[in-house]
């Protein structure tokens, strides 16, 4: 890897935090914030081509989010179904390819079917690659990848001595994506919350105070400009 400076990120990953707090500050139920946050996703996706962002990965629901109240979880699942139904045609028309990562086993069959259909519907698109992390956790992903790799070894299709970083990465949910260049977290929290742990080894991080429903395309552009001013050496010493 070589040092890079002045270029914008090709792959941006976003931890969309602050929906619930945004709603509570306005005296609204938390689900109101999630609905507002979903609208913000559309704005940011549309802004990506203007900044040469080819890949956008968003953290929609984590493996830990099942601990929230039953009402909030049910509302979020309904929101995901509504988002797919409402936005599918626009995503197709705007050249957005949608894919989902995460463990689908715990998701209801109707939602999984809609996810599959949206992936197929947009499979020929290439303008923006939108990846939605749903029931996703970084540690869970690595564990599931290791299980798949172990089955290949047990079946004799993979030499255990040949297992390395590259071979393990082929079993990750994100095997079809380049690693993120930039990870953004909104709402002022400065932690990565089990998101893309393996893939973000060399990513730059930007923690912004803005709550996700207020994170505009203009602020997105500002963060991207800041990324371009950083020097990324990947462990090397500048000449």
Protein backbone atom coordinates (compact mmCIF):
# COMPACT_ATOMS: atom_id res chain seq x y z
CA UNK A 1 0.00 0.00 0.00
CA UNK A 2 1.21 3.52 -0.71
CA UNK A 3 0.56 6.90 0.83
CA UNK A 4 -2.50 8.73 -0.45
CA UNK A 5 -3.50 12.33 0.01
CA UNK A 6 -5.98 14.59 -1.72
CA UNK A 7 -8.23 11.87 -3.06
CA UNK A 8 -11.75 11.36 -1.80
CA UNK A 9 -12.95 8.07 -0.36
CA UNK A 10 -14.31 5.49 -2.77
CA UNK A 11 -16.09 3.51 -0.04
CA UNK A 12 -17.79 5.28 2.88
CA UNK A 13 -19.39 3.41 5.76
CA UNK A 14 -21.79 5.14 8.14
CA UNK A 15 -22.98 4.36 11.67
CA UNK A 16 -26.28 6.22 11.59
CA UNK A 17 -26.63 7.08 15.28
CA UNK A 18 -28.94 9.49 17.08
CA UNK A 19 -32.40 8.83 15.63
CA UNK A 20 -33.99 8.10 19.00
CA UNK A 21 -32.42 11.07 20.77
CA UNK A 22 -33.39 13.36 17.88
CA UNK A 23 -37.04 12.34 18.31
CA UNK A 24 -37.00 12.57 22.11
CA UNK A 25 -35.58 16.12 21.92
CA UNK A 26 -38.71 17.00 19.95
CA UNK A 27 -41.11 15.24 22.29
CA UNK A 28 -41.75 12.50 19.74
CA UNK A 29 -41.56 8.70 20.02
CA UNK A 30 -38.26 7.12 19.04
CA UNK A 31 -39.75 5.56 15.91
CA UNK A 32 -40.44 9.07 14.60
CA UNK A 33 -36.68 9.58 14.60
CA UNK A 34 -36.08 6.34 12.75
CA UNK A 35 -38.52 7.37 10.04
CA UNK A 36 -36.76 10.73 9.70
CA UNK A 37 -33.43 8.93 9.56
CA UNK A 38 -34.64 6.74 6.69
CA UNK A 39 -35.41 9.87 4.68
CA UNK A 40 -31.88 11.11 5.31
CA UNK A 41 -30.48 7.91 3.81
CA UNK A 42 -32.05 8.79 0.48
CA UNK A 43 -30.39 12.22 0.47
CA UNK A 44 -26.95 10.83 1.25
CA UNK A 45 -27.23 8.07 -1.37
CA UNK A 46 -28.13 10.67 -3.99
CA UNK A 47 -25.14 12.80 -2.97
CA UNK A 48 -22.60 10.00 -3.45
CA UNK A 49 -22.04 10.33 -7.23
CA UNK A 50 -21.31 14.05 -6.85
CA UNK A 51 -18.29 13.12 -4.71
CA UNK A 52 -17.17 9.99 -6.57
CA UNK A 53 -18.29 7.77 -3.71
CA UNK A 54 -18.96 4.44 -5.40
CA UNK A 55 -19.77 2.39 -2.31
CA UNK A 56 -21.91 3.39 0.67
CA UNK A 57 -22.43 0.96 3.54
CA UNK A 58 -24.89 1.87 6.29
CA UNK A 59 -25.47 0.30 9.71
CA UNK A 60 -29.24 -0.11 9.96
CA UNK A 61 -29.73 -2.70 12.71
CA UNK A 62 -27.11 -4.44 14.83
CA UNK A 63 -27.14 -7.87 16.46
CA UNK A 64 -27.33 -5.98 19.78
CA UNK A 65 -30.40 -3.93 18.78
CA UNK A 66 -32.70 -6.87 19.60
CA UNK A 67 -32.27 -5.76 23.23
CA UNK A 68 -34.41 -2.69 22.59
CA UNK A 69 -38.09 -2.68 23.50
CA UNK A 70 -40.35 -5.02 21.58
CA UNK A 71 -42.29 -2.03 20.29
CA UNK A 72 -39.19 -0.34 18.88
CA UNK A 73 -37.86 -3.54 17.28
CA UNK A 74 -41.22 -4.29 15.68
CA UNK A 75 -41.44 -0.71 14.45
CA UNK A 76 -37.96 -0.91 12.92
CA UNK A 77 -38.77 -4.14 11.11
CA UNK A 78 -41.92 -2.53 9.73
CA UNK A 79 -39.85 0.48 8.65
CA UNK A 80 -37.38 -1.74 6.79
CA UNK A 81 -40.21 -3.43 4.89
CA UNK A 82 -41.78 -0.06 4.09
CA UNK A 83 -38.46 1.38 2.95
CA UNK A 84 -37.89 -1.48 0.50
CA UNK A 85 -41.43 -1.26 -0.84
CA UNK A 86 -41.41 2.51 -1.19
CA UNK A 87 -37.90 3.07 -2.50
CA UNK A 88 -37.32 0.06 -4.76
CA UNK A 89 -38.32 1.72 -8.03
CA UNK A 90 -36.39 4.93 -7.32
CA UNK A 91 -33.28 2.97 -6.39
CA UNK A 92 -33.55 1.04 -9.63
CA UNK A 93 -34.09 4.19 -11.71
CA UNK A 94 -31.18 6.02 -10.06
CA UNK A 95 -28.67 3.25 -10.75
CA UNK A 96 -28.27 2.12 -7.14
CA UNK A 97 -27.36 -1.50 -6.51
CA UNK A 98 -28.62 -2.65 -3.11
CA UNK A 99 -27.23 -5.55 -1.12
CA UNK A 100 -27.66 -6.61 2.48
CA UNK A 101 -25.13 -8.00 4.94
CA UNK A 102 -25.77 -9.63 8.29
CA UNK A 103 -27.36 -12.82 9.60
CA UNK A 104 -30.80 -13.25 8.03
CA UNK A 105 -31.79 -16.27 10.13
CA UNK A 106 -33.51 -14.22 12.82
CA UNK A 107 -35.35 -11.92 10.41
CA UNK A 108 -38.93 -12.70 9.44
CA UNK A 109 -39.52 -14.52 6.16
CA UNK A 110 -41.42 -11.67 4.52
CA UNK A 111 -38.62 -9.18 5.12
CA UNK A 112 -35.99 -11.62 3.87
CA UNK A 113 -38.02 -12.22 0.72
CA UNK A 114 -38.26 -8.48 0.11
CA UNK A 115 -34.50 -8.11 0.65
CA UNK A 116 -33.82 -10.87 -1.89
CA UNK A 117 -36.19 -9.27 -4.40
CA UNK A 118 -34.58 -5.83 -4.04
CA UNK A 119 -31.11 -7.30 -4.50
CA UNK A 120 -32.24 -9.07 -7.66
CA UNK A 121 -34.13 -6.03 -8.98
CA UNK A 122 -31.07 -3.77 -8.70
CA UNK A 123 -28.41 -6.37 -9.52
CA UNK A 124 -27.48 -4.77 -12.86
CA UNK A 125 -26.97 -1.27 -11.41
CA UNK A 126 -23.50 0.14 -10.94
CA UNK A 127 -23.75 3.89 -10.25
CA UNK A 128 -23.77 3.54 -6.45
CA UNK A 129 -23.43 0.34 -4.46
CA UNK A 130 -25.58 0.68 -1.32
CA UNK A 131 -24.96 -2.03 1.27
CA UNK A 132 -27.34 -2.21 4.22
CA UNK A 133 -26.13 -3.95 7.38
CA UNK A 134 -29.20 -5.56 8.92
CA UNK A 135 -28.94 -7.81 11.98
CA UNK A 136 -25.23 -7.31 11.59
CA UNK A 137 -22.36 -7.46 14.06
CA UNK A 138 -18.66 -7.50 13.22
CA UNK A 139 -17.77 -10.27 15.66
CA UNK A 140 -20.77 -12.32 14.55
CA UNK A 141 -19.70 -11.90 10.92
CA UNK A 142 -16.16 -13.11 11.62
CA UNK A 143 -17.51 -16.06 13.60
CA UNK A 144 -19.85 -17.06 10.76
CA UNK A 145 -17.05 -16.63 8.22
CA UNK A 146 -14.78 -18.84 10.31
CA UNK A 147 -17.47 -21.52 10.45
CA UNK A 148 -17.80 -21.49 6.66
CA UNK A 149 -14.03 -21.62 6.26
CA UNK A 150 -13.81 -24.52 8.74
CA UNK A 151 -16.39 -26.48 6.76
CA UNK A 152 -14.27 -26.01 3.62
CA UNK A 153 -11.22 -27.31 5.47
CA UNK A 154 -13.16 -30.28 6.91
CA UNK A 155 -14.43 -31.16 3.43
CA UNK A 156 -10.90 -31.16 2.06
CA UNK A 157 -11.53 -28.24 -0.29
CA UNK A 158 -9.15 -25.92 1.54
CA UNK A 159 -5.69 -26.64 2.90
CA UNK A 160 -5.50 -25.36 6.51
CA UNK A 161 -1.93 -24.23 5.85
CA UNK A 162 -3.28 -21.99 3.07
CA UNK A 163 -5.60 -20.07 5.39
CA UNK A 164 -4.56 -16.43 5.59
CA UNK A 165 -6.13 -12.95 5.67
CA UNK A 166 -7.11 -13.15 2.02
CA UNK A 167 -8.78 -16.54 2.24
CA UNK A 168 -10.74 -15.59 5.37
CA UNK A 169 -11.94 -12.37 3.74
CA UNK A 170 -13.55 -14.41 0.97
CA UNK A 171 -15.98 -15.82 3.53
CA UNK A 172 -17.03 -12.48 5.02
CA UNK A 173 -20.44 -10.96 4.27
CA UNK A 174 -18.61 -8.13 2.49
CA UNK A 175 -16.59 -10.34 0.13
CA UNK A 176 -18.03 -8.39 -2.82
CA UNK A 177 -16.90 -4.99 -1.46
CA UNK A 178 -13.59 -3.14 -1.19
CA UNK A 179 -12.66 -2.23 2.37
CA UNK A 180 -14.05 1.13 3.56
CA UNK A 181 -11.79 4.13 3.24
CA UNK A 182 -13.79 6.26 5.67
CA UNK A 183 -16.15 5.39 8.52
CA UNK A 184 -18.47 8.14 9.78
CA UNK A 185 -20.37 7.98 13.05
CA UNK A 186 -22.97 10.58 13.85
CA UNK A 187 -24.39 11.76 17.22
CA UNK A 188 -21.15 12.49 19.06
CA UNK A 189 -20.42 8.95 20.21
CA UNK A 190 -16.77 7.99 19.64
CA UNK A 191 -16.90 4.21 19.33
CA UNK A 192 -17.23 1.74 16.45
CA UNK A 193 -19.96 -0.45 17.98
CA UNK A 194 -18.98 -3.75 16.39
CA UNK A 195 -19.25 -2.41 12.83
CA UNK A 196 -17.00 -3.74 10.04
CA UNK A 197 -14.28 -4.69 12.51
CA UNK A 198 -12.17 -6.68 10.04
CA UNK A 199 -12.74 -4.43 7.05
CA UNK A 200 -11.95 -1.14 8.80
CA UNK A 201 -8.40 -2.02 9.84
CA UNK A 202 -7.00 0.85 7.74
CA UNK A 203 -10.06 3.08 7.49
CA UNK A 204 -10.09 6.69 8.59
CA UNK A 205 -12.74 7.56 11.21
CA UNK A 206 -14.78 10.71 11.56
CA UNK A 207 -16.99 11.21 14.62
CA UNK A 208 -19.45 14.07 14.19
CA UNK A 209 -21.78 15.57 16.79
CA UNK A 210 -24.75 15.90 14.43
CA UNK A 211 -27.61 13.47 15.03
CA UNK A 212 -28.32 11.32 11.99
CA UNK A 213 -31.67 12.91 10.97
CA UNK A 214 -29.83 16.27 10.76
CA UNK A 215 -26.81 14.94 8.86
CA UNK A 216 -27.28 16.75 5.56
CA UNK A 217 -25.66 16.30 2.17
CA UNK A 218 -23.72 19.51 2.86
CA UNK A 219 -22.23 18.09 6.05
CA UNK A 220 -21.48 14.84 4.26
CA UNK A 221 -19.55 16.84 1.65
CA UNK A 222 -17.63 18.66 4.39
CA UNK A 223 -16.53 15.37 5.98
CA UNK A 224 -15.41 14.06 2.59
CA UNK A 225 -13.32 17.18 2.01
CA UNK A 226 -11.66 16.66 5.37
CA UNK A 227 -10.80 13.11 4.41
CA UNK A 228 -9.04 14.38 1.29
CA UNK A 229 -6.64 16.45 3.40
CA UNK A 230 -5.42 13.45 5.39
CA UNK A 231 -2.26 11.55 4.53
CA UNK A 232 -2.80 7.79 4.62
CA UNK A 233 0.50 5.91 4.91
CA UNK A 234 -0.74 2.39 5.80
CA UNK A 235 2.20 1.88 8.14
CA UNK A 236 4.84 3.28 5.78
CA UNK A 237 7.18 6.18 6.50
CA UNK A 238 6.80 9.24 4.22
CA UNK A 239 9.67 9.71 1.80
